[in-house]
Amino acid sequence: MFGLLSRRMVTSAATAPCRCTMMSPTIAPQSQHLLPSHDPASFTPPQITVRHATKKAGGSTSNGRDSAGRRLGIKVWHGTPAKAGGIIVRQRGKKFLKGENTGMGNDHTVFAKVAGVVQLERSAKNRRRIIVNVVPEMLREHSAVQ
């Protein structure tokens, strides 16, 4: 009844039967409405859904670590009053050397032994080094009176 180029598909009773037909070019014109349109102007491409990432891809890295700064440098400048026991310079190595009324800690921190005014002067031996002195307040007041 259907011929070699036809097939019949029947679904459940709830849905109506569906007929898919492959027709040869010699089929009658009244059946042409069953063929899909092959007109290039009416062609619409299939819809493509692209799914984007919601999280950034987290690869591994061997870098990305850093430590906090050590807060080195001059804490009390030349001509500024320093308290007894107060830190004048924090450093690595011995760029700043201890002078009069100053001491040097195990980590090369220069500190004041007495209260007074800080004096910075270059070393006569090595011009790269700076000697840190503290002039006591009593001596400053005494020299100012005279």
Protein backbone atom coordinates (compact mmCIF):
# COMPACT_ATOMS: atom_id res chain seq x y z
CA MET A 1 0.00 0.00 0.00
CA PHE A 2 2.79 2.45 0.86
CA GLY A 3 5.45 1.39 -1.63
CA LEU A 4 9.23 1.08 -1.28
CA LEU A 5 10.00 4.71 -0.51
CA SER A 6 7.40 5.18 2.25
CA ARG A 7 7.21 4.19 5.87
CA ARG A 8 4.55 4.53 8.51
CA MET A 9 5.12 5.35 12.17
CA VAL A 10 2.37 4.85 14.71
CA THR A 11 2.63 6.20 18.24
CA SER A 12 0.45 5.58 21.27
CA ALA A 13 -3.31 6.12 21.17
CA ALA A 14 -2.97 9.43 23.04
CA THR A 15 -1.19 11.02 20.09
CA ALA A 16 -2.26 11.06 16.50
CA PRO A 17 -0.43 8.88 14.00
CA CYS A 18 2.44 10.58 12.21
CA ARG A 19 3.52 9.84 8.67
CA CYS A 20 7.04 10.60 7.47
CA THR A 21 7.42 10.13 3.77
CA MET A 22 10.43 10.20 1.53
CA MET A 23 9.23 10.93 -1.98
CA SER A 24 10.85 10.56 -5.34
CA PRO A 25 10.81 13.43 -7.86
CA THR A 26 7.96 11.76 -9.80
CA ILE A 27 5.39 12.13 -6.99
CA ALA A 28 2.18 14.06 -7.60
CA PRO A 29 2.18 17.84 -6.84
CA GLN A 30 -0.53 17.62 -4.13
CA SER A 31 1.97 15.72 -1.90
CA GLN A 32 4.75 18.30 -2.26
CA HIS A 33 3.70 20.12 0.94
CA LEU A 34 5.03 17.17 3.01
CA LEU A 35 8.63 17.73 1.84
CA PRO A 36 10.87 20.07 3.83
CA SER A 37 11.85 23.28 2.06
CA HIS A 38 15.36 23.28 0.56
CA ASP A 39 15.28 26.96 -0.41
CA PRO A 40 18.60 28.61 0.70
CA ALA A 41 16.85 31.91 1.43
CA SER A 42 14.58 30.33 4.05
CA PHE A 43 17.38 28.36 5.75
CA THR A 44 17.82 29.15 9.45
CA PRO A 45 20.80 27.70 11.27
CA PRO A 46 20.14 25.60 14.34
CA GLN A 47 20.21 27.41 17.69
CA ILE A 48 23.47 26.85 19.56
CA THR A 49 23.60 27.48 23.28
CA VAL A 50 27.01 28.37 24.71
CA ARG A 51 27.53 27.85 28.41
CA HIS A 52 30.05 30.20 30.02
CA ALA A 53 32.11 29.41 33.07
CA THR A 54 30.85 30.84 36.36
CA LYS A 55 34.19 30.35 38.12
CA LYS A 56 37.62 31.23 36.81
CA ALA A 57 39.74 28.20 36.10
CA GLY A 58 42.24 28.15 38.95
CA GLY A 59 45.49 26.58 37.85
CA SER A 60 48.41 25.98 40.14
CA THR A 61 51.35 28.36 40.40
CA SER A 62 54.77 28.09 41.96
CA ASN A 63 54.97 31.85 42.66
CA GLY A 64 52.37 34.03 44.32
CA ARG A 65 53.90 34.25 47.79
CA ASP A 66 55.35 37.34 49.39
CA SER A 67 56.28 38.42 52.89
CA ALA A 68 55.47 41.69 54.59
CA GLY A 69 58.03 44.51 54.47
CA ARG A 70 60.46 44.67 57.38
CA ARG A 71 60.07 48.44 58.07
CA LEU A 72 63.79 49.18 57.94
CA GLY A 73 65.40 52.61 57.74
CA ILE A 74 66.00 55.75 59.77
CA LYS A 75 63.39 56.23 62.50
CA VAL A 76 64.76 59.42 64.07
CA TRP A 77 66.41 61.93 61.69
CA HIS A 78 69.35 64.31 62.16
CA GLY A 79 68.52 67.23 64.49
CA THR A 80 65.47 65.46 65.98
CA PRO A 81 65.22 64.64 69.71
CA ALA A 82 65.47 60.95 70.65
CA LYS A 83 64.32 59.27 73.85
CA ALA A 84 66.67 57.13 75.92
CA GLY A 85 66.43 53.54 74.62
CA GLY A 86 64.56 54.67 71.49
CA ILE A 87 65.39 53.13 68.13
CA ILE A 88 67.18 55.52 65.77
CA VAL A 89 67.95 53.23 62.78
CA ARG A 90 66.74 49.73 61.82
CA GLN A 91 68.99 48.07 59.27
CA ARG A 92 70.42 44.87 57.82
CA GLY A 93 74.21 45.00 57.94
CA LYS A 94 76.24 47.95 59.23
CA LYS A 95 75.66 50.94 56.97
CA PHE A 96 74.99 53.04 60.09
CA LEU A 97 77.59 52.67 62.86
CA LYS A 98 77.14 53.45 66.56
CA GLY A 99 78.79 56.58 67.88
CA GLU A 100 78.66 58.51 71.15
CA ASN A 101 75.74 57.68 73.48
CA THR A 102 74.35 55.04 71.09
CA GLY A 103 74.40 51.27 71.08
CA MET A 104 73.90 48.53 68.49
CA GLY A 105 71.62 45.52 68.94
CA ASN A 106 72.09 41.96 67.67
CA ASP A 107 70.11 42.77 64.50
CA HIS A 108 72.27 45.92 63.89
CA THR A 109 69.60 48.27 65.24
CA VAL A 110 71.13 51.55 66.43
CA PHE A 111 69.47 52.92 69.58
CA ALA A 112 69.97 55.89 71.90
CA LYS A 113 71.51 55.25 75.34
CA VAL A 114 70.56 58.70 76.66
CA ALA A 115 67.91 61.26 75.76
CA GLY A 116 69.19 63.90 73.36
CA VAL A 117 69.37 65.13 69.78
CA VAL A 118 70.47 62.81 66.94
CA GLN A 119 73.54 63.72 64.90
CA LEU A 120 74.45 61.87 61.68
CA GLU A 121 77.95 62.23 60.18
CA ARG A 122 79.94 60.37 57.54
CA SER A 123 82.78 58.12 58.65
CA ALA A 124 86.30 59.36 57.89
CA LYS A 125 87.52 55.80 57.13
CA ASN A 126 84.69 54.73 54.85
CA ARG A 127 82.55 57.44 53.22
CA ARG A 128 79.71 54.95 52.67
CA ARG A 129 79.24 54.46 56.39
CA ILE A 130 77.35 56.92 58.58
CA ILE A 131 78.10 57.34 62.30
CA VAL A 132 75.08 57.99 64.53
CA ASN A 133 75.66 60.13 67.67
CA VAL A 134 73.27 61.42 70.31
CA VAL A 135 74.13 64.75 71.96
CA PRO A 136 72.60 64.68 75.47
CA GLU A 137 70.05 67.36 76.34
CA MET A 138 72.07 68.56 79.35
CA LEU A 139 75.06 69.37 77.11
CA ARG A 140 72.86 71.23 74.59
CA GLU A 141 71.26 73.35 77.30
CA HIS A 142 74.66 74.03 78.88
CA SER A 143 76.22 75.12 75.55
CA ALA A 144 73.18 77.28 74.70
CA VAL A 145 73.48 79.19 78.02
CA GLN A 146 77.13 80.10 77.45
